[in-house]
């Protein structure tokens, strides 16, 4: 890749990745593979969906509105750091619940585990704040930038 291509790729990773429908799932799957250190992992692609931790449309009385002002929600909602992988059944149920409910009901599987390393990282947080999201965004972008020599 040229330096310009590397710079553009990193900018896209730092931007609103969710809005790039053709590549978002594949970027997240690559991050998941890197985090799990399980090269050659096989995924059942039709069953995997992308979920926002901070929801796209939180209700006005939710904790999300307390934790993120409107500018922060607009900035963070579609970025890599706010996205996780779920199976289709879990995703459709997760919706706009507060963080504690999402974490307990949708981001864990049977026996308290989740099949995606990317999603299991979220379980380490007591709350999902702008600071936690920013730190996760930096880590994930840096992980891909290192792997792809950006």
N, C-alpha and C. Protein backbone atom coordinates (compact mmCIF):
# COMPACT_ATOMS: atom_id res chain seq x y z
N UNK A 1 0.84 -1.19 0.00
CA UNK A 1 0.00 0.00 0.00
C UNK A 1 0.88 1.25 0.00
N UNK A 2 0.41 2.27 -0.66
CA UNK A 2 1.12 3.55 -0.63
C UNK A 2 0.86 4.22 0.71
N UNK A 3 1.63 5.23 1.03
CA UNK A 3 1.41 5.97 2.28
C UNK A 3 0.03 6.62 2.28
N UNK A 4 -0.41 7.10 1.14
CA UNK A 4 -1.74 7.71 1.04
C UNK A 4 -2.83 6.67 1.32
N UNK A 5 -2.69 5.47 0.75
CA UNK A 5 -3.66 4.40 0.99
C UNK A 5 -3.67 3.99 2.46
N UNK A 6 -2.51 3.91 3.05
CA UNK A 6 -2.42 3.56 4.48
C UNK A 6 -3.13 4.61 5.32
N UNK A 7 -2.88 5.86 5.02
CA UNK A 7 -3.50 6.95 5.76
C UNK A 7 -5.02 6.94 5.60
N UNK A 8 -5.49 6.72 4.38
CA UNK A 8 -6.93 6.67 4.13
C UNK A 8 -7.58 5.48 4.84
N UNK A 9 -6.90 4.35 4.85
CA UNK A 9 -7.43 3.16 5.52
C UNK A 9 -7.55 3.41 7.01
N UNK A 10 -6.51 3.97 7.60
CA UNK A 10 -6.56 4.27 9.04
C UNK A 10 -7.67 5.27 9.35
N UNK A 11 -7.82 6.28 8.52
CA UNK A 11 -8.89 7.27 8.72
C UNK A 11 -10.26 6.61 8.69
N UNK A 12 -10.43 5.67 7.78
CA UNK A 12 -11.72 4.98 7.70
C UNK A 12 -11.95 4.11 8.94
N UNK A 13 -10.89 3.48 9.44
CA UNK A 13 -11.02 2.69 10.66
C UNK A 13 -11.36 3.58 11.84
N UNK A 14 -10.84 4.78 11.86
CA UNK A 14 -11.11 5.71 12.96
C UNK A 14 -12.47 6.38 12.82
N UNK A 15 -13.06 6.30 11.64
CA UNK A 15 -14.34 6.97 11.38
C UNK A 15 -15.53 6.08 11.68
N UNK A 16 -16.64 6.38 11.04
CA UNK A 16 -17.89 5.69 11.28
C UNK A 16 -17.97 4.39 10.47
N UNK A 17 -17.24 3.41 10.93
CA UNK A 17 -17.11 2.12 10.25
C UNK A 17 -18.46 1.46 10.00
N UNK A 18 -19.38 1.58 10.94
CA UNK A 18 -20.68 0.92 10.79
C UNK A 18 -21.38 1.35 9.51
N UNK A 19 -21.15 2.56 9.08
CA UNK A 19 -21.84 3.09 7.91
C UNK A 19 -21.27 2.56 6.59
N UNK A 20 -20.17 1.81 6.68
CA UNK A 20 -19.57 1.19 5.50
C UNK A 20 -20.06 -0.26 5.47
N UNK A 21 -21.29 -0.43 5.03
CA UNK A 21 -21.97 -1.72 5.14
C UNK A 21 -21.23 -2.87 4.47
N UNK A 22 -20.55 -2.62 3.37
CA UNK A 22 -19.89 -3.70 2.64
C UNK A 22 -18.70 -4.30 3.39
N UNK A 23 -18.09 -3.54 4.28
CA UNK A 23 -16.87 -4.03 4.93
C UNK A 23 -16.94 -4.14 6.45
N UNK A 24 -17.92 -3.53 7.09
CA UNK A 24 -17.91 -3.46 8.56
C UNK A 24 -17.81 -4.83 9.22
N UNK A 25 -18.60 -5.79 8.76
CA UNK A 25 -18.57 -7.11 9.41
C UNK A 25 -17.21 -7.78 9.22
N UNK A 26 -16.63 -7.63 8.05
CA UNK A 26 -15.35 -8.29 7.78
C UNK A 26 -14.21 -7.67 8.58
N UNK A 27 -14.25 -6.36 8.77
CA UNK A 27 -13.25 -5.71 9.62
C UNK A 27 -13.41 -6.21 11.05
N UNK A 28 -14.63 -6.27 11.54
CA UNK A 28 -14.87 -6.75 12.91
C UNK A 28 -14.47 -8.22 13.07
N UNK A 29 -14.72 -9.03 12.07
CA UNK A 29 -14.30 -10.43 12.13
C UNK A 29 -12.78 -10.54 12.17
N UNK A 30 -12.10 -9.67 11.45
CA UNK A 30 -10.63 -9.69 11.48
C UNK A 30 -10.13 -9.26 12.85
N UNK A 31 -10.73 -8.25 13.43
CA UNK A 31 -10.36 -7.83 14.79
C UNK A 31 -10.61 -8.98 15.76
N UNK A 32 -11.74 -9.63 15.63
CA UNK A 32 -12.06 -10.74 16.52
C UNK A 32 -11.03 -11.85 16.40
N UNK A 33 -10.64 -12.16 15.18
CA UNK A 33 -9.63 -13.20 14.97
C UNK A 33 -8.30 -12.80 15.62
N UNK A 34 -7.91 -11.55 15.48
CA UNK A 34 -6.66 -11.08 16.08
C UNK A 34 -6.73 -11.14 17.61
N UNK A 35 -7.86 -10.72 18.17
CA UNK A 35 -8.01 -10.73 19.62
C UNK A 35 -8.03 -12.14 20.18
N UNK A 36 -8.63 -13.06 19.46
CA UNK A 36 -8.74 -14.44 19.95
C UNK A 36 -7.46 -15.23 19.72
N UNK A 37 -6.57 -14.67 18.89
CA UNK A 37 -5.31 -15.34 18.55
C UNK A 37 -5.58 -16.73 17.99
N UNK A 38 -6.71 -16.89 17.33
CA UNK A 38 -7.10 -18.18 16.77
C UNK A 38 -7.13 -18.06 15.25
N UNK A 39 -5.98 -18.03 14.66
CA UNK A 39 -5.90 -17.90 13.22
C UNK A 39 -6.57 -19.09 12.54
N UNK A 40 -7.31 -18.78 11.51
CA UNK A 40 -8.04 -19.82 10.79
C UNK A 40 -9.39 -20.14 11.38
N UNK A 41 -9.86 -19.29 12.31
CA UNK A 41 -11.18 -19.49 12.90
C UNK A 41 -12.22 -19.45 11.78
N UNK A 42 -13.22 -20.29 11.89
CA UNK A 42 -14.29 -20.30 10.89
C UNK A 42 -15.54 -19.69 11.52
N UNK A 43 -16.15 -18.78 10.77
CA UNK A 43 -17.34 -18.09 11.23
C UNK A 43 -18.52 -18.46 10.33
N UNK A 44 -19.70 -18.58 10.92
CA UNK A 44 -20.91 -18.82 10.16
C UNK A 44 -21.49 -17.45 9.79
N UNK A 45 -21.00 -16.88 8.70
CA UNK A 45 -21.28 -15.49 8.35
C UNK A 45 -22.76 -15.11 8.31
N UNK A 46 -23.63 -15.94 7.77
CA UNK A 46 -25.04 -15.51 7.73
C UNK A 46 -25.66 -15.31 9.12
N UNK A 47 -25.10 -15.96 10.13
CA UNK A 47 -25.66 -15.86 11.48
C UNK A 47 -25.05 -14.73 12.31
N UNK A 48 -24.00 -14.10 11.81
CA UNK A 48 -23.29 -13.08 12.57
C UNK A 48 -23.80 -11.70 12.18
N UNK A 49 -24.07 -10.90 13.21
CA UNK A 49 -24.51 -9.54 12.97
C UNK A 49 -23.64 -8.57 13.77
N UNK A 50 -23.74 -7.31 13.42
CA UNK A 50 -23.00 -6.26 14.11
C UNK A 50 -23.99 -5.51 15.00
N UNK A 51 -23.62 -5.34 16.26
CA UNK A 51 -24.47 -4.66 17.23
C UNK A 51 -23.74 -3.45 17.79
N UNK A 52 -24.47 -2.39 18.03
CA UNK A 52 -23.95 -1.20 18.70
C UNK A 52 -24.08 -1.42 20.21
N UNK A 53 -23.04 -1.13 20.96
CA UNK A 53 -23.16 -1.16 22.42
C UNK A 53 -23.96 0.07 22.84
N UNK A 54 -23.44 1.26 22.54
CA UNK A 54 -24.23 2.49 22.68
C UNK A 54 -25.23 2.45 21.54
N UNK A 55 -26.53 2.37 21.83
CA UNK A 55 -27.51 2.18 20.76
C UNK A 55 -27.63 3.40 19.83
N UNK A 56 -28.14 3.11 18.65
CA UNK A 56 -28.33 4.17 17.66
C UNK A 56 -29.40 5.17 18.10
N UNK A 57 -30.42 4.69 18.76
CA UNK A 57 -31.55 5.55 19.15
C UNK A 57 -31.96 5.28 20.60
N UNK A 58 -31.15 5.73 21.56
CA UNK A 58 -31.52 5.47 22.96
C UNK A 58 -32.77 6.26 23.34
N UNK A 59 -33.56 5.70 24.24
CA UNK A 59 -34.75 6.42 24.68
C UNK A 59 -34.34 7.61 25.55
N UNK A 60 -35.16 8.62 25.56
CA UNK A 60 -34.84 9.87 26.25
C UNK A 60 -34.62 9.69 27.75
N UNK A 61 -35.23 8.67 28.34
CA UNK A 61 -35.09 8.44 29.78
C UNK A 61 -34.04 7.37 30.11
N UNK A 62 -33.22 7.00 29.15
CA UNK A 62 -32.24 5.94 29.40
C UNK A 62 -30.95 6.48 30.02
N UNK A 63 -30.19 5.60 30.59
CA UNK A 63 -28.88 5.96 31.16
C UNK A 63 -27.94 6.44 30.06
N UNK A 64 -28.14 5.96 28.83
CA UNK A 64 -27.28 6.37 27.72
C UNK A 64 -27.29 7.89 27.57
N UNK A 65 -28.44 8.50 27.75
CA UNK A 65 -28.58 9.95 27.59
C UNK A 65 -27.87 10.67 28.73
N UNK A 66 -27.78 10.04 29.89
CA UNK A 66 -27.02 10.61 31.01
C UNK A 66 -25.51 10.54 30.74
N UNK A 67 -25.07 9.43 30.20
CA UNK A 67 -23.64 9.20 30.01
C UNK A 67 -23.06 9.90 28.79
N UNK A 68 -23.85 10.04 27.74
CA UNK A 68 -23.39 10.60 26.47
C UNK A 68 -24.29 11.77 26.09
N UNK A 69 -23.70 12.94 25.91
CA UNK A 69 -24.52 14.04 25.38
C UNK A 69 -24.76 13.78 23.89
N UNK A 70 -25.59 14.58 23.27
CA UNK A 70 -25.96 14.30 21.88
C UNK A 70 -24.77 14.34 20.94
N UNK A 71 -23.83 15.25 21.16
CA UNK A 71 -22.64 15.32 20.31
C UNK A 71 -21.78 14.06 20.47
N UNK A 72 -21.65 13.58 21.70
CA UNK A 72 -20.87 12.36 21.94
C UNK A 72 -21.56 11.15 21.30
N UNK A 73 -22.87 11.06 21.42
CA UNK A 73 -23.59 9.95 20.79
C UNK A 73 -23.42 9.99 19.29
N UNK A 74 -23.53 11.17 18.71
CA UNK A 74 -23.35 11.29 17.26
C UNK A 74 -21.94 10.89 16.84
N UNK A 75 -20.95 11.28 17.64
CA UNK A 75 -19.56 10.96 17.31
C UNK A 75 -19.27 9.46 17.45
N UNK A 76 -19.72 8.83 18.53
CA UNK A 76 -19.29 7.47 18.87
C UNK A 76 -20.16 6.34 18.35
N UNK A 77 -21.39 6.57 18.06
CA UNK A 77 -22.33 5.47 17.79
C UNK A 77 -21.85 4.49 16.74
N UNK A 78 -21.35 4.95 15.62
CA UNK A 78 -21.03 4.06 14.51
C UNK A 78 -19.55 3.72 14.39
N UNK A 79 -18.76 4.01 15.40
CA UNK A 79 -17.32 3.77 15.33
C UNK A 79 -16.95 2.37 15.81
N UNK A 80 -15.82 1.92 15.35
CA UNK A 80 -15.31 0.58 15.65
C UNK A 80 -15.38 0.25 17.15
N UNK A 81 -14.98 1.19 17.98
CA UNK A 81 -14.95 0.94 19.43
C UNK A 81 -16.30 0.65 20.04
N UNK A 82 -17.37 1.02 19.38
CA UNK A 82 -18.72 0.82 19.89
C UNK A 82 -19.41 -0.40 19.30
N UNK A 83 -18.72 -1.14 18.46
CA UNK A 83 -19.36 -2.25 17.76
C UNK A 83 -18.89 -3.60 18.29
N UNK A 84 -19.81 -4.55 18.32
CA UNK A 84 -19.51 -5.92 18.72
C UNK A 84 -20.18 -6.87 17.73
N UNK A 85 -19.80 -8.12 17.82
CA UNK A 85 -20.42 -9.17 17.01
C UNK A 85 -21.36 -9.99 17.88
N UNK A 86 -22.50 -10.33 17.33
CA UNK A 86 -23.47 -11.20 17.99
C UNK A 86 -24.04 -12.16 16.96
N UNK A 87 -24.68 -13.22 17.48
CA UNK A 87 -25.42 -14.04 16.53
C UNK A 87 -26.76 -13.36 16.28
N UNK A 88 -27.40 -13.67 15.20
CA UNK A 88 -28.60 -12.96 14.76
C UNK A 88 -29.69 -12.92 15.83
N UNK A 89 -29.92 -14.01 16.54
CA UNK A 89 -30.99 -14.05 17.54
C UNK A 89 -30.71 -13.09 18.68
N UNK A 90 -29.47 -13.03 19.13
CA UNK A 90 -29.11 -12.13 20.21
C UNK A 90 -29.24 -10.68 19.78
N UNK A 91 -28.81 -10.37 18.57
CA UNK A 91 -28.81 -8.99 18.09
C UNK A 91 -30.22 -8.43 18.04
N UNK A 92 -31.14 -9.17 17.51
CA UNK A 92 -32.50 -8.64 17.37
C UNK A 92 -33.12 -8.34 18.72
N UNK A 93 -32.65 -9.00 19.76
CA UNK A 93 -33.20 -8.77 21.09
C UNK A 93 -32.49 -7.65 21.84
N UNK A 94 -31.25 -7.35 21.51
CA UNK A 94 -30.44 -6.40 22.28
C UNK A 94 -30.99 -4.98 22.21
N UNK A 95 -31.25 -4.49 21.06
CA UNK A 95 -31.86 -3.19 20.80
C UNK A 95 -31.29 -2.07 21.66
N UNK A 96 -32.15 -1.31 22.34
CA UNK A 96 -31.75 -0.08 23.02
C UNK A 96 -31.62 -0.20 24.53
N UNK A 97 -31.50 -1.38 25.05
CA UNK A 97 -31.40 -1.56 26.49
C UNK A 97 -30.18 -0.83 27.05
N UNK A 98 -30.25 -0.50 28.34
CA UNK A 98 -29.10 0.09 29.02
C UNK A 98 -27.97 -0.93 29.07
N UNK A 99 -26.76 -0.43 29.35
CA UNK A 99 -25.56 -1.25 29.28
C UNK A 99 -25.64 -2.49 30.16
N UNK A 100 -26.07 -2.34 31.40
CA UNK A 100 -26.11 -3.49 32.31
C UNK A 100 -27.01 -4.60 31.76
N UNK A 101 -28.15 -4.22 31.21
CA UNK A 101 -29.06 -5.23 30.64
C UNK A 101 -28.47 -5.87 29.40
N UNK A 102 -27.88 -5.07 28.53
CA UNK A 102 -27.25 -5.64 27.32
C UNK A 102 -26.15 -6.61 27.71
N UNK A 103 -25.33 -6.18 28.64
CA UNK A 103 -24.20 -6.99 29.06
C UNK A 103 -24.67 -8.33 29.65
N UNK A 104 -25.65 -8.28 30.50
CA UNK A 104 -26.13 -9.49 31.17
C UNK A 104 -26.91 -10.41 30.25
N UNK A 105 -27.74 -9.83 29.40
CA UNK A 105 -28.65 -10.65 28.59
C UNK A 105 -28.14 -11.02 27.22
N UNK A 106 -27.36 -10.13 26.60
CA UNK A 106 -27.06 -10.32 25.19
C UNK A 106 -25.59 -10.51 24.88
N UNK A 107 -24.72 -9.97 25.72
CA UNK A 107 -23.29 -10.06 25.44
C UNK A 107 -22.65 -11.25 26.12
N UNK A 108 -23.44 -12.08 26.77
CA UNK A 108 -22.92 -13.32 27.35
C UNK A 108 -23.70 -14.49 26.77
N UNK A 109 -23.06 -15.62 26.72
CA UNK A 109 -23.72 -16.81 26.20
C UNK A 109 -23.98 -17.78 27.32
N UNK A 110 -24.21 -18.99 26.94
CA UNK A 110 -24.41 -20.03 27.95
C UNK A 110 -23.14 -20.18 28.76
N UNK A 111 -23.30 -20.32 30.05
CA UNK A 111 -22.14 -20.48 30.93
C UNK A 111 -21.36 -19.20 31.13
N UNK A 112 -21.93 -18.06 30.76
CA UNK A 112 -21.28 -16.78 30.99
C UNK A 112 -20.22 -16.39 29.97
N UNK A 113 -20.10 -17.14 28.90
CA UNK A 113 -19.10 -16.81 27.88
C UNK A 113 -19.79 -16.37 26.61
N UNK A 114 -19.00 -15.81 25.72
CA UNK A 114 -19.52 -15.35 24.45
C UNK A 114 -18.57 -15.87 23.37
N UNK A 115 -19.07 -16.23 22.19
CA UNK A 115 -18.19 -16.83 21.19
C UNK A 115 -17.25 -15.85 20.49
N UNK A 116 -17.40 -14.56 20.71
CA UNK A 116 -16.55 -13.58 20.04
C UNK A 116 -15.65 -12.85 21.03
N UNK A 117 -14.35 -12.91 20.78
CA UNK A 117 -13.40 -12.21 21.65
C UNK A 117 -13.68 -10.71 21.66
N UNK A 118 -14.05 -10.17 20.52
CA UNK A 118 -14.36 -8.75 20.40
C UNK A 118 -15.50 -8.35 21.34
N UNK A 119 -16.50 -9.19 21.44
CA UNK A 119 -17.66 -8.91 22.29
C UNK A 119 -17.32 -9.16 23.76
N UNK A 120 -16.52 -10.16 24.04
CA UNK A 120 -16.19 -10.47 25.43
C UNK A 120 -15.41 -9.33 26.10
N UNK A 121 -14.70 -8.53 25.32
CA UNK A 121 -14.00 -7.38 25.90
C UNK A 121 -14.95 -6.43 26.62
N UNK A 122 -16.13 -6.29 26.09
CA UNK A 122 -17.11 -5.36 26.66
C UNK A 122 -17.51 -5.81 28.06
N UNK A 123 -17.48 -7.11 28.32
CA UNK A 123 -17.89 -7.63 29.62
C UNK A 123 -16.97 -7.18 30.75
N UNK A 124 -15.78 -6.72 30.42
CA UNK A 124 -14.83 -6.27 31.44
C UNK A 124 -15.18 -4.90 32.00
N UNK A 125 -16.11 -4.21 31.38
CA UNK A 125 -16.47 -2.86 31.80
C UNK A 125 -17.69 -2.88 32.71
N UNK A 126 -17.65 -2.05 33.76
CA UNK A 126 -18.81 -1.90 34.64
C UNK A 126 -19.85 -0.98 34.02
N UNK A 127 -19.38 -0.05 33.21
CA UNK A 127 -20.27 0.87 32.52
C UNK A 127 -19.65 1.23 31.19
N UNK A 128 -20.44 1.67 30.27
CA UNK A 128 -19.96 2.04 28.93
C UNK A 128 -20.01 3.56 28.85
N UNK A 129 -18.86 4.17 28.97
CA UNK A 129 -18.75 5.62 29.04
C UNK A 129 -17.98 6.13 27.83
N UNK A 130 -18.04 7.43 27.58
CA UNK A 130 -17.25 7.98 26.48
C UNK A 130 -15.75 7.67 26.63
N UNK A 131 -15.26 7.68 27.85
CA UNK A 131 -13.84 7.39 28.09
C UNK A 131 -13.50 5.94 27.78
N UNK A 132 -14.35 5.02 28.21
CA UNK A 132 -14.13 3.59 27.93
C UNK A 132 -14.19 3.32 26.43
N UNK A 133 -15.13 3.95 25.78
CA UNK A 133 -15.30 3.77 24.35
C UNK A 133 -14.10 4.34 23.59
N UNK A 134 -13.62 5.51 23.99
CA UNK A 134 -12.47 6.12 23.32
C UNK A 134 -11.22 5.25 23.48
N UNK A 135 -11.01 4.70 24.66
CA UNK A 135 -9.85 3.83 24.89
C UNK A 135 -9.95 2.56 24.04
N UNK A 136 -11.14 2.00 23.97
CA UNK A 136 -11.33 0.79 23.15
C UNK A 136 -11.14 1.10 21.67
N UNK A 137 -11.63 2.23 21.23
CA UNK A 137 -11.44 2.65 19.84
C UNK A 137 -9.95 2.71 19.50
N UNK A 138 -9.17 3.36 20.36
CA UNK A 138 -7.72 3.48 20.12
C UNK A 138 -7.06 2.10 20.04
N UNK A 139 -7.40 1.22 20.99
CA UNK A 139 -6.79 -0.12 21.01
C UNK A 139 -7.11 -0.90 19.75
N UNK A 140 -8.37 -0.87 19.32
CA UNK A 140 -8.76 -1.67 18.16
C UNK A 140 -8.19 -1.11 16.86
N UNK A 141 -8.20 0.21 16.71
CA UNK A 141 -7.61 0.80 15.51
C UNK A 141 -6.11 0.53 15.49
N UNK A 142 -5.45 0.67 16.64
CA UNK A 142 -4.01 0.39 16.69
C UNK A 142 -3.71 -1.07 16.38
N UNK A 143 -4.56 -1.99 16.84
CA UNK A 143 -4.38 -3.41 16.56
C UNK A 143 -4.41 -3.67 15.05
N UNK A 144 -5.40 -3.11 14.38
CA UNK A 144 -5.50 -3.29 12.93
C UNK A 144 -4.38 -2.54 12.20
N UNK A 145 -4.04 -1.38 12.67
CA UNK A 145 -2.96 -0.60 12.02
C UNK A 145 -1.65 -1.36 12.10
N UNK A 146 -1.39 -2.02 13.22
CA UNK A 146 -0.17 -2.82 13.35
C UNK A 146 -0.23 -4.04 12.45
N UNK A 147 -1.35 -4.75 12.47
CA UNK A 147 -1.51 -5.96 11.66
C UNK A 147 -1.39 -5.66 10.17
N UNK A 148 -1.95 -4.55 9.76
CA UNK A 148 -1.97 -4.21 8.34
C UNK A 148 -0.85 -3.23 7.95
N UNK A 149 0.06 -2.99 8.87
CA UNK A 149 1.21 -2.10 8.62
C UNK A 149 0.76 -0.74 8.07
N UNK A 150 -0.20 -0.15 8.77
CA UNK A 150 -0.68 1.17 8.37
C UNK A 150 0.18 2.21 9.04
